[in-house]
């Protein structure tokens, strides 16, 4: 009885021109926030962070998804709805940091978490909870399948600076692949020759090799 009186007084109170408390909307916010955080955390941590280890991008995925979700959910009562959500999606989707452009893989994960957050925020009574959870589960499952199985079977590539300029000749291409394979400990199947520095006797190579478990190779975005 006393609890109902306290809740009633809070709901009738105002602060900074706003209603202080809405019990139903508050519970709606907490439950949807927890649900969305669950589905965003799975691809951000288990699919991306544990494989790549880049904390700055993991931080970006989590915070951007939370902010997008809150904006869409809290403003969903305004007559903006889907149009506003899609506009916000586009703004964050084309986001690029001037000092460090987001690589395609990281940009894709950013699209993923923004898309999940927008969908979970603007879903209304026309969409059942079962449809929502299946859509989220399928999205994460496809990302998992592509990340760990489909892409894992393909050839990986890496840019390297190579010092044996004597192997740049076409007739020594096979010897070039063998030397690269021995140095990196992987099976190099192709090497594309890039810019050469004849003064330093070095040139840039884009090597293609079969993926292996263990050490990971990556290139910084240019």
Protein backbone atom coordinates (compact mmCIF):
# COMPACT_ATOMS: atom_id res chain seq x y z
CA UNK A 1 0.00 0.00 0.00
CA UNK A 2 2.75 2.42 0.99
CA UNK A 3 4.75 1.38 -2.09
CA UNK A 4 1.80 2.24 -4.33
CA UNK A 5 1.51 5.64 -2.66
CA UNK A 6 5.22 6.31 -3.20
CA UNK A 7 5.03 5.22 -6.85
CA UNK A 8 1.93 7.37 -7.37
CA UNK A 9 3.62 10.42 -5.89
CA UNK A 10 6.69 9.87 -8.08
CA UNK A 11 4.54 9.54 -11.20
CA UNK A 12 2.74 12.79 -10.42
CA UNK A 13 5.96 14.69 -9.64
CA UNK A 14 7.79 16.79 -12.22
CA UNK A 15 11.44 17.74 -12.57
CA UNK A 16 12.93 20.11 -15.16
CA UNK A 17 9.58 20.17 -16.92
CA UNK A 18 9.46 16.38 -17.26
CA UNK A 19 7.43 13.72 -15.48
CA UNK A 20 9.71 12.30 -12.81
CA UNK A 21 8.73 8.63 -13.18
CA UNK A 22 6.63 6.37 -15.40
CA UNK A 23 6.51 2.88 -13.92
CA UNK A 24 5.39 1.04 -17.05
CA UNK A 25 7.75 2.87 -19.41
CA UNK A 26 10.64 2.48 -16.96
CA UNK A 27 10.28 -1.30 -16.85
CA UNK A 28 9.90 -1.30 -20.62
CA UNK A 29 13.21 0.59 -20.91
CA UNK A 30 15.11 -1.73 -18.54
CA UNK A 31 13.92 -4.97 -20.13
CA UNK A 32 14.52 -3.83 -23.71
CA UNK A 33 17.92 -2.40 -22.78
CA UNK A 34 19.00 -5.72 -21.25
CA UNK A 35 17.66 -7.67 -24.23
CA UNK A 36 19.47 -5.45 -26.74
CA UNK A 37 22.70 -5.45 -24.72
CA UNK A 38 22.68 -9.26 -24.77
CA UNK A 39 22.44 -9.50 -28.56
CA UNK A 40 24.96 -6.70 -29.17
CA UNK A 41 27.51 -8.13 -26.72
CA UNK A 42 27.58 -11.57 -28.40
CA UNK A 43 28.92 -10.46 -31.82
CA UNK A 44 30.99 -7.60 -30.38
CA UNK A 45 32.84 -9.74 -27.83
CA UNK A 46 32.66 -13.39 -28.88
CA UNK A 47 32.84 -12.92 -32.67
CA UNK A 48 35.01 -9.80 -32.97
CA UNK A 49 37.00 -8.98 -29.82
CA UNK A 50 38.11 -12.53 -28.93
CA UNK A 51 39.38 -13.02 -32.48
CA UNK A 52 40.86 -9.58 -33.20
CA UNK A 53 41.66 -8.22 -29.74
CA UNK A 54 41.19 -4.54 -30.68
CA UNK A 55 39.76 -2.95 -27.53
CA UNK A 56 39.11 0.43 -29.14
CA UNK A 57 36.72 -1.07 -31.69
CA UNK A 58 35.00 -3.25 -29.08
CA UNK A 59 34.46 -0.11 -27.02
CA UNK A 60 33.08 1.70 -30.09
CA UNK A 61 30.65 -1.12 -30.94
CA UNK A 62 29.23 -1.29 -27.41
CA UNK A 63 28.88 2.45 -26.77
CA UNK A 64 27.53 3.34 -30.23
CA UNK A 65 24.93 0.56 -30.04
CA UNK A 66 23.83 1.67 -26.57
CA UNK A 67 23.52 5.32 -27.60
CA UNK A 68 21.63 4.47 -30.81
CA UNK A 69 19.27 2.18 -28.89
CA UNK A 70 18.52 4.79 -26.23
CA UNK A 71 17.90 7.56 -28.75
CA UNK A 72 15.57 5.41 -30.86
CA UNK A 73 13.68 4.02 -27.87
CA UNK A 74 13.28 7.23 -25.89
CA UNK A 75 12.17 9.19 -28.95
CA UNK A 76 9.95 6.44 -30.32
CA UNK A 77 6.89 8.17 -28.90
CA UNK A 78 7.60 11.16 -31.10
CA UNK A 79 6.18 11.01 -34.64
CA UNK A 80 9.57 10.14 -36.12
CA UNK A 81 9.67 6.38 -35.70
CA UNK A 82 11.23 4.43 -38.56
CA UNK A 83 12.27 7.44 -40.67
CA UNK A 84 14.24 8.89 -37.78
CA UNK A 85 15.79 5.53 -36.96
CA UNK A 86 16.94 4.97 -40.55
CA UNK A 87 18.36 8.48 -40.71
CA UNK A 88 20.28 7.88 -37.50
CA UNK A 89 21.45 4.53 -38.89
CA UNK A 90 22.80 6.29 -42.00
CA UNK A 91 24.61 8.96 -39.97
CA UNK A 92 26.41 6.44 -37.78
CA UNK A 93 26.90 4.06 -40.70
CA UNK A 94 28.96 6.55 -42.74
CA UNK A 95 30.95 7.57 -39.67
CA UNK A 96 34.67 7.72 -40.37
CA UNK A 97 37.36 9.02 -38.05
CA UNK A 98 39.77 11.36 -39.84
CA UNK A 99 42.86 10.13 -38.02
CA UNK A 100 42.05 6.43 -38.27
CA UNK A 101 39.64 5.26 -41.01
CA UNK A 102 37.55 2.26 -39.99
CA UNK A 103 38.54 -0.88 -41.96
CA UNK A 104 35.78 -2.73 -43.87
CA UNK A 105 35.53 -5.58 -41.34
CA UNK A 106 35.18 -3.22 -38.38
CA UNK A 107 32.71 -1.06 -40.33
CA UNK A 108 30.62 -4.19 -41.00
CA UNK A 109 30.47 -5.01 -37.30
CA UNK A 110 29.50 -1.40 -36.63
CA UNK A 111 26.63 -1.79 -39.11
CA UNK A 112 25.68 -5.02 -37.36
CA UNK A 113 25.40 -3.59 -33.85
CA UNK A 114 23.65 -0.43 -35.07
CA UNK A 115 21.16 -2.48 -37.07
CA UNK A 116 20.39 -4.76 -34.12
CA UNK A 117 19.97 -1.76 -31.80
CA UNK A 118 17.67 0.14 -34.16
CA UNK A 119 15.54 -2.93 -34.79
CA UNK A 120 15.18 -3.76 -31.10
CA UNK A 121 14.34 -0.15 -30.26
CA UNK A 122 11.66 0.57 -32.89
CA UNK A 123 9.94 -2.85 -32.78
CA UNK A 124 6.30 -2.29 -31.83
CA UNK A 125 3.13 -4.30 -31.22
CA UNK A 126 3.04 -5.33 -34.88
CA UNK A 127 6.10 -7.53 -34.28
CA UNK A 128 5.93 -10.45 -31.88
CA UNK A 129 8.70 -11.17 -29.40
CA UNK A 130 9.32 -14.53 -31.08
CA UNK A 131 9.89 -12.82 -34.44
CA UNK A 132 12.28 -10.37 -32.80
CA UNK A 133 14.37 -12.99 -31.02
CA UNK A 134 14.54 -15.22 -34.11
CA UNK A 135 15.68 -12.28 -36.25
CA UNK A 136 18.41 -11.40 -33.74
CA UNK A 137 19.50 -15.02 -33.39
CA UNK A 138 19.68 -15.54 -37.16
CA UNK A 139 21.71 -12.34 -37.61
CA UNK A 140 24.28 -13.38 -35.01
CA UNK A 141 24.36 -16.97 -36.30
CA UNK A 142 25.09 -15.89 -39.88
CA UNK A 143 27.84 -13.55 -38.64
CA UNK A 144 29.32 -16.43 -36.63
CA UNK A 145 29.13 -18.77 -39.62
CA UNK A 146 30.83 -16.33 -41.98
CA UNK A 147 33.48 -15.23 -39.46
CA UNK A 148 34.68 -18.61 -38.23
CA UNK A 149 33.89 -21.07 -41.02
CA UNK A 150 33.43 -19.50 -44.44
CA UNK A 151 36.15 -16.83 -44.18
CA UNK A 152 38.39 -19.26 -42.30
CA UNK A 153 38.56 -21.50 -45.36
CA UNK A 154 39.67 -18.78 -47.75
CA UNK A 155 43.08 -17.43 -48.60
CA UNK A 156 44.36 -14.61 -46.40
CA UNK A 157 46.55 -11.76 -47.58
CA UNK A 158 49.14 -9.40 -46.14
CA UNK A 159 51.35 -6.56 -47.33
CA UNK A 160 55.06 -7.03 -46.60
CA UNK A 161 58.32 -5.26 -47.39
CA UNK A 162 60.64 -7.77 -49.04
CA UNK A 163 64.43 -7.45 -49.23
CA UNK A 164 65.42 -10.03 -51.84
CA UNK A 165 65.10 -7.97 -54.97
CA UNK A 166 66.98 -10.62 -56.95
CA UNK A 167 63.83 -12.81 -56.83
CA UNK A 168 61.68 -10.20 -58.55
CA UNK A 169 62.37 -11.81 -61.93
CA UNK A 170 59.55 -13.86 -63.54
CA UNK A 171 61.67 -16.99 -63.87
CA UNK A 172 62.31 -16.96 -60.10
CA UNK A 173 58.66 -16.59 -59.07
CA UNK A 174 58.48 -20.12 -57.71
CA UNK A 175 61.64 -19.55 -55.67
CA UNK A 176 60.09 -16.33 -54.37
CA UNK A 177 57.02 -18.19 -53.10
CA UNK A 178 59.19 -20.83 -51.46
CA UNK A 179 61.32 -18.22 -49.69
CA UNK A 180 58.24 -16.38 -48.41
CA UNK A 181 56.68 -19.62 -47.23
CA UNK A 182 59.82 -20.55 -45.33
CA UNK A 183 60.19 -17.13 -43.72
CA UNK A 184 56.56 -16.78 -42.58
CA UNK A 185 55.90 -20.44 -41.83
CA UNK A 186 52.77 -20.47 -44.01
CA UNK A 187 51.98 -21.74 -47.49
CA UNK A 188 52.21 -18.72 -49.78
CA UNK A 189 50.30 -19.40 -52.99
CA UNK A 190 50.60 -16.03 -54.69
CA UNK A 191 52.62 -12.82 -54.46
CA UNK A 192 51.80 -9.54 -56.22
CA UNK A 193 54.67 -7.10 -56.63
CA UNK A 194 54.08 -3.48 -55.63
CA UNK A 195 56.27 -0.36 -55.45
CA UNK A 196 60.03 -0.99 -55.42
CA UNK A 197 62.85 0.99 -53.84
CA UNK A 198 65.98 0.22 -55.84
CA UNK A 199 68.13 2.38 -53.56
CA UNK A 200 67.27 0.31 -50.48
CA UNK A 201 66.99 -2.92 -52.49
CA UNK A 202 63.46 -3.59 -51.25
CA UNK A 203 59.94 -3.70 -52.62
CA UNK A 204 56.41 -4.17 -51.42
CA UNK A 205 54.60 -7.48 -51.83
CA UNK A 206 50.99 -8.43 -51.37
CA UNK A 207 51.19 -12.10 -50.41
CA UNK A 208 48.31 -14.57 -50.39
CA UNK A 209 48.58 -17.57 -48.08
CA UNK A 210 46.44 -20.31 -46.60
CA UNK A 211 45.08 -19.45 -43.19
CA UNK A 212 46.63 -21.23 -40.22
CA UNK A 213 45.72 -21.48 -36.55
CA UNK A 214 47.95 -19.71 -34.08
CA UNK A 215 49.63 -16.44 -34.98
CA UNK A 216 47.43 -13.85 -36.65
CA UNK A 217 48.49 -11.50 -39.43
CA UNK A 218 46.96 -8.07 -39.88
CA UNK A 219 47.61 -4.86 -41.78
CA UNK A 220 47.00 -1.39 -40.36
CA UNK A 221 44.36 0.56 -42.32
CA UNK A 222 45.78 3.17 -44.66
